[in-house]
Amino acid sequence: MTASLPCSDTVPLAVPRDGLIVLEGMPGAGKTTAAGTLATRGLPVLGEYTDHADATIAISAHPPVDDDDAHQQNWLRKTAQCTARLARGGTVYVDRDWLSSLSYAYSTAAADGGTLLRHRVAWAASRLRDGSLLLPGIYVVFDLDPATSLDRRASRLRPGHPWNHPGSLRRLRDFYTCPSRALDPIHPGLAQALWQPRRADISGLSDPHQIADGLAELGVKP
């Protein structure tokens, strides 16, 4: 696991929240496994999709791919849940946040000329300004090559999902290599804001126990 500090010459839309650690990156790379391991250790974790009681929703119950409002409401609901937990002190780990909505739109931009991406970028920037979305203190980005991602998820691919195809996964991986670079042509302010959180890069091929140990250490480091 390697970590780096962001550039300092930015004009942020929001200030990163200390104690908020978000797991992002390629599907099948081990985010949910790591989150589950952290939860079994008694650490505070919010799942990828949650209900109003903070409980994690099963993958089979996730909103349909094209139900944009339901997906965006999930990120807003999780932000409110994170805010409440952070107010009690300590660290909160989150399996994906609103950055996933941008990564998805970026990965499918060739199909709609970038319409969804522009819409979601404007939404994210507005919500960061009004505080209904948060920037984490740390983004932990899980990397995995597209072929391995597909192989690991072969038994649970959701019908019709763009991430079932290597081309979309290659674009997704490019996005996660540097979200700020990907978004700068569309919204420079949002791109600058995303330089602020610390970043820790993890290979999805690493040992899951070592990954969990590294994430637990991130939660106690100043």
C-alpha atoms as a PDB file:
ATOM      1  CA  MET A   1       0.000   0.000   0.000  1.00  0.00           C
ATOM      2  CA  THR A   2       1.406   3.384  -1.000  1.00  0.00           C
ATOM      3  CA  ALA A   3       0.057   6.776   0.021  1.00  0.00           C
ATOM      4  CA  SER A   4       0.645  10.220  -1.394  1.00  0.00           C
ATOM      5  CA  LEU A   5      -0.298  13.757  -0.478  1.00  0.00           C
ATOM      6  CA  PRO A   6      -2.355  15.924  -2.859  1.00  0.00           C
ATOM      7  CA  CYS A   7      -1.155  19.047  -4.591  1.00  0.00           C
ATOM      8  CA  SER A   8      -1.598  22.145  -2.440  1.00  0.00           C
ATOM      9  CA  ASP A   9      -2.390  24.803  -5.044  1.00  0.00           C
ATOM     10  CA  THR A  10      -6.102  24.038  -5.357  1.00  0.00           C
ATOM     11  CA  VAL A  11      -9.356  25.943  -4.986  1.00  0.00           C
ATOM     12  CA  PRO A  12     -11.550  23.394  -3.200  1.00  0.00           C
ATOM     13  CA  LEU A  13     -15.310  22.956  -3.337  1.00  0.00           C
ATOM     14  CA  ALA A  14     -15.087  21.223   0.038  1.00  0.00           C
ATOM     15  CA  VAL A  15     -12.593  20.336   2.754  1.00  0.00           C
ATOM     16  CA  PRO A  16     -11.709  16.646   3.313  1.00  0.00           C
ATOM     17  CA  ARG A  17     -13.182  15.126   6.462  1.00  0.00           C
ATOM     18  CA  ASP A  18     -10.606  13.580   8.761  1.00  0.00           C
ATOM     19  CA  GLY A  19     -11.598  10.084   9.821  1.00  0.00           C
ATOM     20  CA  LEU A  20     -13.549   9.296   6.660  1.00  0.00           C
ATOM     21  CA  ILE A  21     -11.870   6.536   4.632  1.00  0.00           C
ATOM     22  CA  VAL A  22     -13.546   5.516   1.360  1.00  0.00           C
ATOM     23  CA  LEU A  23     -12.762   2.313  -0.525  1.00  0.00           C
ATOM     24  CA  GLU A  24     -13.019   2.845  -4.275  1.00  0.00           C
ATOM     25  CA  GLY A  25     -11.772   1.208  -7.443  1.00  0.00           C
ATOM     26  CA  MET A  26     -12.275  -1.706  -9.776  1.00  0.00           C
ATOM     27  CA  PRO A  27     -15.106  -4.219  -9.337  1.00  0.00           C
ATOM     28  CA  GLY A  28     -13.906  -7.549  -8.027  1.00  0.00           C
ATOM     29  CA  ALA A  29     -10.741  -6.024  -6.560  1.00  0.00           C
ATOM     30  CA  GLY A  30     -11.644  -6.795  -2.942  1.00  0.00           C
ATOM     31  CA  LYS A  31     -13.317  -3.660  -1.581  1.00  0.00           C
ATOM     32  CA  THR A  32     -16.368  -5.387  -0.150  1.00  0.00           C
ATOM     33  CA  THR A  33     -14.281  -8.259   1.207  1.00  0.00           C
ATOM     34  CA  ALA A  34     -12.013  -5.762   2.967  1.00  0.00           C
ATOM     35  CA  ALA A  35     -14.992  -3.823   4.321  1.00  0.00           C
ATOM     36  CA  GLY A  36     -16.508  -7.026   5.677  1.00  0.00           C
ATOM     37  CA  THR A  37     -13.249  -7.991   7.370  1.00  0.00           C
ATOM     38  CA  LEU A  38     -12.998  -4.580   9.002  1.00  0.00           C
ATOM     39  CA  ALA A  39     -16.572  -4.908  10.251  1.00  0.00           C
ATOM     40  CA  THR A  40     -15.825  -8.312  11.821  1.00  0.00           C
ATOM     41  CA  ARG A  41     -12.977  -6.611  13.692  1.00  0.00           C
ATOM     42  CA  GLY A  42     -15.488  -4.222  15.221  1.00  0.00           C
ATOM     43  CA  LEU A  43     -14.565  -1.202  13.107  1.00  0.00           C
ATOM     44  CA  PRO A  44     -17.330   1.130  11.863  1.00  0.00           C
ATOM     45  CA  VAL A  45     -18.152   0.330   8.227  1.00  0.00           C
ATOM     46  CA  LEU A  46     -20.887   1.459   5.841  1.00  0.00           C
ATOM     47  CA  GLY A  47     -21.678  -0.885   2.952  1.00  0.00           C
ATOM     48  CA  GLU A  48     -21.949   0.017  -0.726  1.00  0.00           C
ATOM     49  CA  TYR A  49     -25.731   0.484  -0.648  1.00  0.00           C
ATOM     50  CA  THR A  50     -27.531   1.105   2.638  1.00  0.00           C
ATOM     51  CA  ASP A  51     -31.064   1.460   3.920  1.00  0.00           C
ATOM     52  CA  HIS A  52     -32.315   4.123   6.314  1.00  0.00           C
ATOM     53  CA  ALA A  53     -31.183   2.015   9.287  1.00  0.00           C
ATOM     54  CA  ASP A  54     -27.550   1.993   8.040  1.00  0.00           C
ATOM     55  CA  ALA A  55     -27.835  -1.702   7.125  1.00  0.00           C
ATOM     56  CA  THR A  56     -26.088  -2.921   3.972  1.00  0.00           C
ATOM     57  CA  ILE A  57     -28.392  -3.841   1.094  1.00  0.00           C
ATOM     58  CA  ALA A  58     -27.665  -7.094  -0.727  1.00  0.00           C
ATOM     59  CA  ILE A  59     -26.320  -6.819  -4.279  1.00  0.00           C
ATOM     60  CA  SER A  60     -29.464  -8.510  -5.584  1.00  0.00           C
ATOM     61  CA  ALA A  61     -31.501  -5.616  -4.162  1.00  0.00           C
ATOM     62  CA  HIS A  62     -29.428  -2.804  -5.649  1.00  0.00           C
ATOM     63  CA  PRO A  63     -31.350  -0.361  -7.874  1.00  0.00           C
ATOM     64  CA  PRO A  64     -31.529  -1.120 -11.597  1.00  0.00           C
ATOM     65  CA  VAL A  65     -28.616   0.207 -13.627  1.00  0.00           C
ATOM     66  CA  ASP A  66     -30.699   2.959 -15.240  1.00  0.00           C
ATOM     67  CA  ASP A  67     -32.423   4.203 -12.044  1.00  0.00           C
ATOM     68  CA  ASP A  68     -30.227   7.270 -11.679  1.00  0.00           C
ATOM     69  CA  ASP A  69     -32.239   8.895  -8.895  1.00  0.00           C
ATOM     70  CA  ALA A  70     -32.030   5.803  -6.684  1.00  0.00           C
ATOM     71  CA  HIS A  71     -28.267   5.590  -7.087  1.00  0.00           C
ATOM     72  CA  GLN A  72     -27.736   9.268  -6.323  1.00  0.00           C
ATOM     73  CA  GLN A  73     -30.042   9.103  -3.310  1.00  0.00           C
ATOM     74  CA  ASN A  74     -27.903   6.275  -1.966  1.00  0.00           C
ATOM     75  CA  TRP A  75     -24.788   8.474  -1.976  1.00  0.00           C
ATOM     76  CA  LEU A  76     -26.676  11.282  -0.239  1.00  0.00           C
ATOM     77  CA  ARG A  77     -28.101   8.900   2.364  1.00  0.00           C
ATOM     78  CA  LYS A  78     -24.666   7.416   3.040  1.00  0.00           C
ATOM     79  CA  THR A  79     -23.175  10.889   3.426  1.00  0.00           C
ATOM     80  CA  ALA A  80     -25.740  11.727   6.090  1.00  0.00           C
ATOM     81  CA  GLN A  81     -24.975   8.438   7.831  1.00  0.00           C
ATOM     82  CA  CYS A  82     -21.235   9.156   7.675  1.00  0.00           C
ATOM     83  CA  THR A  83     -21.744  12.646   9.060  1.00  0.00           C
ATOM     84  CA  ALA A  84     -23.672  11.279  12.032  1.00  0.00           C
ATOM     85  CA  ARG A  85     -21.000   8.670  12.760  1.00  0.00           C
ATOM     86  CA  LEU A  86     -18.120  11.120  12.382  1.00  0.00           C
ATOM     87  CA  ALA A  87     -19.818  13.444  14.857  1.00  0.00           C
ATOM     88  CA  ARG A  88     -19.371  10.712  17.469  1.00  0.00           C
ATOM     89  CA  GLY A  89     -15.626  10.641  16.797  1.00  0.00           C
ATOM     90  CA  GLY A  90     -13.263   8.069  15.392  1.00  0.00           C
ATOM     91  CA  THR A  91     -12.871   6.602  11.918  1.00  0.00           C
ATOM     92  CA  VAL A  92     -15.554   5.507   9.465  1.00  0.00           C
ATOM     93  CA  TYR A  93     -14.826   3.170   6.552  1.00  0.00           C
ATOM     94  CA  VAL A  94     -17.102   3.332   3.514  1.00  0.00           C
ATOM     95  CA  ASP A  95     -17.458   0.846   0.668  1.00  0.00           C
ATOM     96  CA  ARG A  96     -17.702   3.342  -2.240  1.00  0.00           C
ATOM     97  CA  ASP A  97     -19.093   6.873  -2.232  1.00  0.00           C
ATOM     98  CA  TRP A  98     -20.334   9.350  -4.849  1.00  0.00           C
ATOM     99  CA  LEU A  99     -17.075   9.042  -6.801  1.00  0.00           C
ATOM    100  CA  SER A 100     -18.466   5.722  -8.042  1.00  0.00           C
ATOM    101  CA  SER A 101     -21.289   7.563  -9.777  1.00  0.00           C
ATOM    102  CA  LEU A 102     -18.719   9.577 -11.724  1.00  0.00           C
ATOM    103  CA  SER A 103     -16.537   6.566 -12.479  1.00  0.00           C
ATOM    104  CA  TYR A 104     -19.545   4.703 -13.876  1.00  0.00           C
ATOM    105  CA  ALA A 105     -20.552   7.624 -16.070  1.00  0.00           C
ATOM    106  CA  TYR A 106     -16.974   8.025 -17.300  1.00  0.00           C
ATOM    107  CA  SER A 107     -16.748   4.336 -18.151  1.00  0.00           C
ATOM    108  CA  THR A 108     -19.915   4.540 -20.287  1.00  0.00           C
ATOM    109  CA  ALA A 109     -19.387   7.986 -21.811  1.00  0.00           C
ATOM    110  CA  ALA A 110     -18.745   6.604 -25.292  1.00  0.00           C
ATOM    111  CA  ALA A 111     -22.332   5.345 -25.439  1.00  0.00           C
ATOM    112  CA  ASP A 112     -24.057   8.682 -24.730  1.00  0.00           C
ATOM    113  CA  GLY A 113     -21.449  11.247 -25.715  1.00  0.00           C
ATOM    114  CA  GLY A 114     -20.730  12.050 -22.066  1.00  0.00           C
ATOM    115  CA  THR A 115     -24.246  13.294 -21.247  1.00  0.00           C
ATOM    116  CA  LEU A 116     -24.593  11.295 -18.029  1.00  0.00           C
ATOM    117  CA  LEU A 117     -21.076  12.208 -16.940  1.00  0.00           C
ATOM    118  CA  ARG A 118     -21.715  15.946 -17.358  1.00  0.00           C
ATOM    119  CA  HIS A 119     -24.995  15.649 -15.449  1.00  0.00           C
ATOM    120  CA  ARG A 120     -23.425  13.743 -12.570  1.00  0.00           C
ATOM    121  CA  VAL A 121     -20.385  16.016 -12.388  1.00  0.00           C
ATOM    122  CA  ALA A 122     -22.634  19.073 -12.058  1.00  0.00           C
ATOM    123  CA  TRP A 123     -24.662  17.258  -9.394  1.00  0.00           C
ATOM    124  CA  ALA A 124     -21.571  16.288  -7.407  1.00  0.00           C
ATOM    125  CA  ALA A 125     -20.098  19.786  -7.516  1.00  0.00           C
ATOM    126  CA  SER A 126     -23.361  21.325  -6.339  1.00  0.00           C
ATOM    127  CA  ARG A 127     -23.752  18.817  -3.522  1.00  0.00           C
ATOM    128  CA  LEU A 128     -20.182  19.292  -2.344  1.00  0.00           C
ATOM    129  CA  ARG A 129     -20.813  23.014  -2.128  1.00  0.00           C
ATOM    130  CA  ASP A 130     -23.959  22.619  -0.004  1.00  0.00           C
ATOM    131  CA  GLY A 131     -22.425  19.942   2.221  1.00  0.00           C
ATOM    132  CA  SER A 132     -24.739  17.075   1.307  1.00  0.00           C
ATOM    133  CA  LEU A 133     -21.726  15.205  -0.070  1.00  0.00           C
ATOM    134  CA  LEU A 134     -18.329  14.927   1.620  1.00  0.00           C
ATOM    135  CA  LEU A 135     -14.743  14.613   0.536  1.00  0.00           C
ATOM    136  CA  PRO A 136     -13.051  11.844   2.507  1.00  0.00           C
ATOM    137  CA  GLY A 137      -9.778  12.259   4.286  1.00  0.00           C
ATOM    138  CA  ILE A 138      -8.435   9.254   2.376  1.00  0.00           C
ATOM    139  CA  TYR A 139      -9.447   7.491  -0.823  1.00  0.00           C
ATOM    140  CA  VAL A 140      -8.219   3.897  -0.897  1.00  0.00           C
ATOM    141  CA  VAL A 141      -8.176   2.890  -4.570  1.00  0.00           C
ATOM    142  CA  PHE A 142      -8.236  -0.824  -5.408  1.00  0.00           C
ATOM    143  CA  ASP A 143      -6.713  -1.690  -8.771  1.00  0.00           C
ATOM    144  CA  LEU A 144      -7.365  -4.802 -10.878  1.00  0.00           C
ATOM    145  CA  ASP A 145      -6.961  -5.589 -14.552  1.00  0.00           C
ATOM    146  CA  PRO A 146     -10.216  -5.991 -16.539  1.00  0.00           C
ATOM    147  CA  ALA A 147      -9.703  -9.676 -17.350  1.00  0.00           C
ATOM    148  CA  THR A 148      -9.271 -10.626 -13.701  1.00  0.00           C
ATOM    149  CA  SER A 149     -12.206  -8.415 -12.711  1.00  0.00           C
ATOM    150  CA  LEU A 150     -14.475 -10.285 -15.116  1.00  0.00           C
ATOM    151  CA  ASP A 151     -13.131 -13.675 -14.079  1.00  0.00           C
ATOM    152  CA  ARG A 152     -13.707 -13.032 -10.383  1.00  0.00           C
ATOM    153  CA  ARG A 153     -17.253 -11.830 -10.959  1.00  0.00           C
ATOM    154  CA  ALA A 154     -18.255 -14.451 -13.537  1.00  0.00           C
ATOM    155  CA  SER A 155     -20.921 -16.003 -11.299  1.00  0.00           C
ATOM    156  CA  ARG A 156     -22.471 -12.704 -10.209  1.00  0.00           C
ATOM    157  CA  LEU A 157     -22.471 -10.386 -13.199  1.00  0.00           C
ATOM    158  CA  ARG A 158     -25.643  -8.286 -13.295  1.00  0.00           C
ATOM    159  CA  PRO A 159     -27.442  -8.627 -16.658  1.00  0.00           C
ATOM    160  CA  GLY A 160     -27.041  -5.538 -18.814  1.00  0.00           C
ATOM    161  CA  HIS A 161     -24.412  -3.889 -16.644  1.00  0.00           C
ATOM    162  CA  PRO A 162     -21.698  -2.074 -18.649  1.00  0.00           C
ATOM    163  CA  TRP A 163     -19.013  -3.404 -16.305  1.00  0.00           C
ATOM    164  CA  ASN A 164     -19.554  -6.818 -17.865  1.00  0.00           C
ATOM    165  CA  HIS A 165     -17.420  -5.719 -20.828  1.00  0.00           C
ATOM    166  CA  PRO A 166     -13.623  -5.200 -21.104  1.00  0.00           C
ATOM    167  CA  GLY A 167     -13.913  -1.860 -22.930  1.00  0.00           C
ATOM    168  CA  SER A 168     -15.915  -0.201 -20.151  1.00  0.00           C
ATOM    169  CA  LEU A 169     -13.613  -1.703 -17.547  1.00  0.00           C
ATOM    170  CA  ARG A 170     -10.563  -0.271 -19.305  1.00  0.00           C
ATOM    171  CA  ARG A 171     -12.123   3.198 -19.203  1.00  0.00           C
ATOM    172  CA  LEU A 172     -13.047   2.645 -15.561  1.00  0.00           C
ATOM    173  CA  ARG A 173      -9.481   1.718 -14.708  1.00  0.00           C
ATOM    174  CA  ASP A 174      -8.237   4.804 -16.510  1.00  0.00           C
ATOM    175  CA  PHE A 175     -10.594   6.961 -14.441  1.00  0.00           C
ATOM    176  CA  TYR A 176      -9.332   5.542 -11.169  1.00  0.00           C
ATOM    177  CA  THR A 177      -5.720   6.047 -12.220  1.00  0.00           C
ATOM    178  CA  CYS A 178      -6.355   9.780 -11.744  1.00  0.00           C
ATOM    179  CA  PRO A 179      -9.953  11.004 -11.283  1.00  0.00           C
ATOM    180  CA  SER A 180      -8.826  14.638 -11.303  1.00  0.00           C
ATOM    181  CA  ARG A 181      -7.212  14.268 -14.714  1.00  0.00           C
ATOM    182  CA  ALA A 182     -10.305  12.533 -16.083  1.00  0.00           C
ATOM    183  CA  LEU A 183     -12.663  15.245 -14.814  1.00  0.00           C
ATOM    184  CA  ASP A 184     -10.570  18.360 -15.454  1.00  0.00           C
ATOM    185  CA  PRO A 185     -11.884  18.940 -19.022  1.00  0.00           C
ATOM    186  CA  ILE A 186     -15.459  18.871 -17.688  1.00  0.00           C
ATOM    187  CA  HIS A 187     -15.236  20.646 -14.319  1.00  0.00           C
ATOM    188  CA  PRO A 188     -11.813  21.993 -13.266  1.00  0.00           C
ATOM    189  CA  GLY A 189     -13.105  22.964  -9.818  1.00  0.00           C
ATOM    190  CA  LEU A 190     -14.265  19.456  -9.039  1.00  0.00           C
ATOM    191  CA  ALA A 191     -11.017  18.077 -10.428  1.00  0.00           C
ATOM    192  CA  GLN A 192      -9.067  20.361  -8.082  1.00  0.00           C
ATOM    193  CA  ALA A 193     -11.199  19.334  -5.115  1.00  0.00           C
ATOM    194  CA  LEU A 194     -10.368  15.687  -5.756  1.00  0.00           C
ATOM    195  CA  TRP A 195      -6.652  16.419  -5.461  1.00  0.00           C
ATOM    196  CA  GLN A 196      -7.140  17.139  -1.752  1.00  0.00           C
ATOM    197  CA  PRO A 197      -7.811  13.758  -0.112  1.00  0.00           C
ATOM    198  CA  ARG A 198      -4.856  11.530   0.583  1.00  0.00           C
ATOM    199  CA  ARG A 199      -4.722   8.484  -1.676  1.00  0.00           C
ATOM    200  CA  ALA A 200      -3.665   4.932  -0.855  1.00  0.00           C
ATOM    201  CA  ASP A 201      -3.275   2.503  -3.765  1.00  0.00           C
ATOM    202  CA  ILE A 202      -3.915  -1.213  -3.304  1.00  0.00           C
ATOM    203  CA  SER A 203      -3.474  -4.068  -5.758  1.00  0.00           C
ATOM    204  CA  GLY A 204      -6.494  -6.337  -5.900  1.00  0.00           C
ATOM    205  CA  LEU A 205      -4.027  -9.211  -6.200  1.00  0.00           C
ATOM    206  CA  SER A 206      -2.650  -8.604  -2.700  1.00  0.00           C
ATOM    207  CA  ASP A 207      -3.373 -10.884   0.235  1.00  0.00           C
ATOM    208  CA  PRO A 208      -6.801  -9.950   1.702  1.00  0.00           C
ATOM    209  CA  HIS A 209      -5.571 -10.183   5.302  1.00  0.00           C
ATOM    210  CA  GLN A 210      -2.682  -7.847   4.573  1.00  0.00           C
ATOM    211  CA  ILE A 211      -5.075  -5.438   2.891  1.00  0.00           C
ATOM    212  CA  ALA A 212      -7.337  -5.409   5.948  1.00  0.00           C
ATOM    213  CA  ASP A 213      -4.344  -4.899   8.259  1.00  0.00           C
ATOM    214  CA  GLY A 214      -3.192  -1.929   6.168  1.00  0.00           C
ATOM    215  CA  LEU A 215      -6.648  -0.369   6.189  1.00  0.00           C
ATOM    216  CA  ALA A 216      -6.921  -0.751   9.948  1.00  0.00           C
ATOM    217  CA  GLU A 217      -3.567   1.028  10.311  1.00  0.00           C
ATOM    218  CA  LEU A 218      -4.805   3.910   8.162  1.00  0.00           C
ATOM    219  CA  GLY A 219      -7.610   4.433  10.639  1.00  0.00           C
ATOM    220  CA  VAL A 220      -5.259   5.044  13.561  1.00  0.00           C
ATOM    221  CA  LYS A 221      -2.583   7.126  11.822  1.00  0.00           C
ATOM    222  CA  PRO A 222      -2.807  10.923  12.316  1.00  0.00           C
END
